Structures are given as structure tokens and as C-alpha cells.
Amino acid sequence: MEGQTSQLGRKIALEVSRTLAVYGFAGWFYIVLTALVEPDTLGLKLTHFASFPHDDTFGEACFLISGVSFFIFNMLRTPAKSDQQG
């Protein structure tokens, strides 16, 4: 039973990290396209609902989240050598 719980936790962490990596990359890519098309808007607020974050700050956060999540995803995706033998 304990092995099933750890496998379920691993699957959840794998899917959460993949989701964060994909959506983080999508947010960063949106900001990259915005910077290419309308570079003057990078210093503006991301939304009119809140004064923070700005477009450039959102892009930085998305890039960081995407990179870290992709690293975690790859760590979880590759089983440890002891898992492969057992």
C-alpha cells in the first residue's frame, strides 16, 4: 500500500511539474512575442485589476517557473537505477 501511495505522489508531481513547465513557457513566449511586436508595453501593468506584476516581471517569473519545473519533470521522469532493477 505504501508503494502505491508513493507512486501516486510521483505521478501527481510529474504531471504538476509538466503543467507548470508548459504553461510557464507559454506565458514567457507570450511576453517574447509582445516584446517583438510592442516593446513599449513591457513596462505596463499586466492587468488593470492589479498594479503588480508588469509584463516584464511576468515574463521573468514565467521563465523561472518553466525552467525549474522542466528540471523537476526530467528528474521525476527518469527513474532511479534502483527503481529499474527492482
N, C-alpha and C. Protein backbone atom coordinates (compact mmCIF):
# COMPACT_ATOMS: atom_id res chain seq x y z
N MET A 1 0.82 -1.20 0.00
CA MET A 1 0.00 0.00 0.00
C MET A 1 0.86 1.26 0.00
N GLU A 2 1.97 1.22 0.75
CA GLU A 2 2.84 2.39 0.81
C GLU A 2 3.49 2.66 -0.54
N GLY A 3 3.83 1.62 -1.28
CA GLY A 3 4.43 1.78 -2.60
C GLY A 3 3.46 2.43 -3.58
N GLN A 4 2.17 2.08 -3.44
CA GLN A 4 1.16 2.69 -4.32
C GLN A 4 1.00 4.17 -4.02
N THR A 5 1.08 4.53 -2.75
CA THR A 5 0.95 5.94 -2.36
C THR A 5 2.11 6.75 -2.91
N SER A 6 3.33 6.20 -2.81
CA SER A 6 4.49 6.94 -3.33
C SER A 6 4.43 7.02 -4.85
N GLN A 7 3.94 5.99 -5.50
CA GLN A 7 3.78 6.03 -6.96
C GLN A 7 2.75 7.07 -7.36
N LEU A 8 1.66 7.17 -6.60
CA LEU A 8 0.64 8.16 -6.89
C LEU A 8 1.20 9.57 -6.68
N GLY A 9 1.93 9.77 -5.60
CA GLY A 9 2.56 11.06 -5.35
C GLY A 9 3.55 11.43 -6.44
N ARG A 10 4.29 10.45 -6.92
CA ARG A 10 5.24 10.69 -8.01
C ARG A 10 4.52 11.08 -9.29
N LYS A 11 3.42 10.39 -9.59
CA LYS A 11 2.64 10.72 -10.79
C LYS A 11 2.04 12.11 -10.71
N ILE A 12 1.54 12.47 -9.54
CA ILE A 12 0.97 13.81 -9.36
C ILE A 12 2.05 14.87 -9.52
N ALA A 13 3.20 14.65 -8.88
CA ALA A 13 4.31 15.61 -9.00
C ALA A 13 4.80 15.71 -10.44
N LEU A 14 4.81 14.59 -11.15
CA LEU A 14 5.23 14.58 -12.55
C LEU A 14 4.28 15.42 -13.40
N GLU A 15 2.99 15.23 -13.21
CA GLU A 15 2.01 15.97 -14.01
C GLU A 15 1.94 17.45 -13.63
N VAL A 16 2.09 17.75 -12.35
CA VAL A 16 2.09 19.16 -11.93
C VAL A 16 3.32 19.87 -12.50
N SER A 17 4.48 19.22 -12.44
CA SER A 17 5.68 19.85 -12.96
C SER A 17 5.60 20.02 -14.48
N ARG A 18 5.01 19.06 -15.17
CA ARG A 18 4.85 19.19 -16.62
C ARG A 18 3.89 20.34 -16.95
N THR A 19 2.80 20.43 -16.22
CA THR A 19 1.83 21.50 -16.46
C THR A 19 2.44 22.87 -16.21
N LEU A 20 3.18 23.02 -15.11
CA LEU A 20 3.83 24.29 -14.82
C LEU A 20 4.89 24.64 -15.87
N ALA A 21 5.61 23.63 -16.35
CA ALA A 21 6.62 23.89 -17.38
C ALA A 21 5.98 24.36 -18.67
N VAL A 22 4.89 23.73 -19.08
CA VAL A 22 4.23 24.09 -20.34
C VAL A 22 3.58 25.46 -20.23
N TYR A 23 2.81 25.69 -19.19
CA TYR A 23 2.13 26.99 -19.05
C TYR A 23 3.13 28.12 -18.75
N GLY A 24 4.19 27.83 -18.01
CA GLY A 24 5.22 28.83 -17.79
C GLY A 24 5.90 29.22 -19.08
N PHE A 25 6.18 28.22 -19.92
CA PHE A 25 6.78 28.52 -21.21
C PHE A 25 5.82 29.31 -22.09
N ALA A 26 4.54 28.97 -22.05
CA ALA A 26 3.56 29.69 -22.85
C ALA A 26 3.48 31.16 -22.41
N GLY A 27 3.50 31.42 -21.12
CA GLY A 27 3.48 32.79 -20.62
C GLY A 27 4.73 33.55 -21.02
N TRP A 28 5.88 32.90 -20.93
CA TRP A 28 7.13 33.54 -21.33
C TRP A 28 7.13 33.81 -22.83
N PHE A 29 6.64 32.87 -23.63
CA PHE A 29 6.61 33.04 -25.08
C PHE A 29 5.66 34.19 -25.46
N TYR A 30 4.57 34.33 -24.74
CA TYR A 30 3.66 35.46 -24.96
C TYR A 30 4.39 36.79 -24.75
N ILE A 31 5.17 36.88 -23.70
CA ILE A 31 5.90 38.11 -23.41
C ILE A 31 6.99 38.34 -24.47
N VAL A 32 7.63 37.28 -24.94
CA VAL A 32 8.63 37.41 -26.00
C VAL A 32 7.98 37.98 -27.26
N LEU A 33 6.83 37.45 -27.63
CA LEU A 33 6.13 37.98 -28.80
C LEU A 33 5.70 39.43 -28.59
N THR A 34 5.24 39.74 -27.40
CA THR A 34 4.87 41.12 -27.08
C THR A 34 6.07 42.04 -27.20
N ALA A 35 7.23 41.58 -26.74
CA ALA A 35 8.45 42.39 -26.81
C ALA A 35 8.87 42.64 -28.25
N LEU A 36 8.61 41.68 -29.11
CA LEU A 36 8.96 41.85 -30.52
C LEU A 36 8.00 42.79 -31.24
N VAL A 37 6.71 42.69 -30.91
CA VAL A 37 5.70 43.47 -31.61
C VAL A 37 5.49 44.85 -31.00
N GLU A 38 5.37 44.92 -29.69
CA GLU A 38 5.11 46.17 -28.98
C GLU A 38 6.06 46.32 -27.78
N PRO A 39 7.33 46.59 -28.02
CA PRO A 39 8.29 46.65 -26.91
C PRO A 39 8.00 47.75 -25.89
N ASP A 40 7.27 48.77 -26.28
CA ASP A 40 6.96 49.86 -25.34
C ASP A 40 6.02 49.42 -24.22
N THR A 41 5.33 48.31 -24.39
CA THR A 41 4.35 47.87 -23.40
C THR A 41 4.96 47.02 -22.29
N LEU A 42 6.23 46.69 -22.35
CA LEU A 42 6.83 45.81 -21.34
C LEU A 42 6.79 46.39 -19.94
N GLY A 43 6.83 47.69 -19.81
CA GLY A 43 6.80 48.32 -18.50
C GLY A 43 5.40 48.55 -17.97
N LEU A 44 4.38 48.24 -18.77
CA LEU A 44 3.00 48.45 -18.34
C LEU A 44 2.52 47.33 -17.43
N LYS A 45 1.41 47.59 -16.73
CA LYS A 45 0.82 46.57 -15.87
C LYS A 45 0.33 45.40 -16.73
N LEU A 46 0.42 44.21 -16.17
CA LEU A 46 -0.05 43.02 -16.88
C LEU A 46 -1.57 43.03 -17.00
N THR A 47 -2.24 43.51 -15.97
CA THR A 47 -3.69 43.58 -15.97
C THR A 47 -4.15 44.86 -15.30
N HIS A 48 -5.33 45.29 -15.61
CA HIS A 48 -5.84 46.52 -14.99
C HIS A 48 -6.42 46.25 -13.60
N PHE A 49 -6.49 44.99 -13.19
CA PHE A 49 -7.03 44.64 -11.87
C PHE A 49 -6.03 44.88 -10.75
N ALA A 50 -4.74 44.80 -11.05
CA ALA A 50 -3.72 44.93 -10.01
C ALA A 50 -2.57 45.77 -10.53
N SER A 51 -1.88 46.43 -9.63
CA SER A 51 -0.75 47.25 -10.05
C SER A 51 0.52 46.43 -10.27
N PHE A 52 0.52 45.20 -9.85
CA PHE A 52 1.68 44.32 -10.00
C PHE A 52 1.19 42.98 -10.50
N PRO A 53 1.80 42.28 -11.34
CA PRO A 53 3.11 42.47 -11.95
C PRO A 53 3.00 43.24 -13.27
N HIS A 54 4.15 43.66 -13.75
CA HIS A 54 4.25 44.26 -15.07
C HIS A 54 4.56 43.16 -16.08
N ASP A 55 4.45 43.47 -17.34
CA ASP A 55 4.71 42.46 -18.37
C ASP A 55 6.10 41.86 -18.25
N ASP A 56 7.10 42.70 -18.05
CA ASP A 56 8.46 42.17 -17.98
C ASP A 56 8.69 41.29 -16.75
N THR A 57 8.10 41.66 -15.63
CA THR A 57 8.21 40.84 -14.41
C THR A 57 7.50 39.50 -14.59
N PHE A 58 6.35 39.53 -15.24
CA PHE A 58 5.61 38.30 -15.53
C PHE A 58 6.45 37.37 -16.41
N GLY A 59 7.10 37.93 -17.40
CA GLY A 59 7.95 37.12 -18.28
C GLY A 59 9.10 36.48 -17.54
N GLU A 60 9.73 37.24 -16.65
CA GLU A 60 10.83 36.68 -15.85
C GLU A 60 10.34 35.55 -14.95
N ALA A 61 9.20 35.76 -14.31
CA ALA A 61 8.65 34.72 -13.42
C ALA A 61 8.28 33.47 -14.22
N CYS A 62 7.68 33.66 -15.38
CA CYS A 62 7.31 32.52 -16.21
C CYS A 62 8.53 31.73 -16.66
N PHE A 63 9.58 32.45 -17.04
CA PHE A 63 10.81 31.78 -17.47
C PHE A 63 11.40 30.97 -16.34
N LEU A 64 11.43 31.53 -15.14
CA LEU A 64 11.97 30.82 -13.98
C LEU A 64 11.12 29.60 -13.63
N ILE A 65 9.81 29.78 -13.59
CA ILE A 65 8.91 28.67 -13.27
C ILE A 65 9.03 27.56 -14.31
N SER A 66 9.08 27.95 -15.57
CA SER A 66 9.19 26.96 -16.64
C SER A 66 10.49 26.17 -16.53
N GLY A 67 11.59 26.86 -16.31
CA GLY A 67 12.89 26.18 -16.21
C GLY A 67 12.98 25.24 -15.03
N VAL A 68 12.57 25.70 -13.87
CA VAL A 68 12.62 24.86 -12.67
C VAL A 68 11.67 23.67 -12.80
N SER A 69 10.48 23.91 -13.30
CA SER A 69 9.50 22.83 -13.45
C SER A 69 9.96 21.79 -14.47
N PHE A 70 10.60 22.25 -15.54
CA PHE A 70 11.09 21.30 -16.54
C PHE A 70 12.22 20.46 -15.95
N PHE A 71 13.07 21.07 -15.14
CA PHE A 71 14.14 20.33 -14.47
C PHE A 71 13.54 19.27 -13.55
N ILE A 72 12.55 19.65 -12.75
CA ILE A 72 11.89 18.70 -11.84
C ILE A 72 11.21 17.60 -12.63
N PHE A 73 10.54 17.96 -13.71
CA PHE A 73 9.87 16.98 -14.56
C PHE A 73 10.87 15.95 -15.08
N ASN A 74 12.01 16.40 -15.55
CA ASN A 74 13.01 15.46 -16.06
C ASN A 74 13.61 14.60 -14.96
N MET A 75 13.75 15.16 -13.76
CA MET A 75 14.25 14.36 -12.64
C MET A 75 13.26 13.26 -12.27
N LEU A 76 11.98 13.59 -12.29
CA LEU A 76 10.95 12.60 -11.93
C LEU A 76 10.69 11.60 -13.05
N ARG A 77 10.86 12.05 -14.28
CA ARG A 77 10.56 11.19 -15.43
C ARG A 77 11.56 10.07 -15.55
N THR A 78 12.82 10.36 -15.24
CA THR A 78 13.86 9.35 -15.32
C THR A 78 13.90 8.56 -14.02
N PRO A 79 13.53 7.29 -14.07
CA PRO A 79 13.55 6.51 -12.83
C PRO A 79 14.99 6.27 -12.34
N ALA A 80 15.12 6.19 -11.03
CA ALA A 80 16.42 5.91 -10.43
C ALA A 80 16.86 4.51 -10.79
N LYS A 81 18.15 4.24 -10.74
CA LYS A 81 18.66 2.92 -11.11
C LYS A 81 18.10 1.84 -10.21
N SER A 82 17.89 2.15 -8.94
CA SER A 82 17.33 1.15 -8.03
C SER A 82 15.89 0.83 -8.39
N ASP A 83 15.15 1.82 -8.94
CA ASP A 83 13.79 1.56 -9.39
C ASP A 83 13.76 0.67 -10.62
N GLN A 84 14.74 0.79 -11.51
CA GLN A 84 14.78 0.00 -12.72
C GLN A 84 15.10 -1.45 -12.41
N GLN A 85 15.94 -1.71 -11.41
CA GLN A 85 16.34 -3.07 -11.08
C GLN A 85 15.27 -3.77 -10.26
N GLY A 86 14.51 -3.01 -9.47
CA GLY A 86 13.55 -3.61 -8.56
C GLY A 86 12.25 -3.77 -9.17
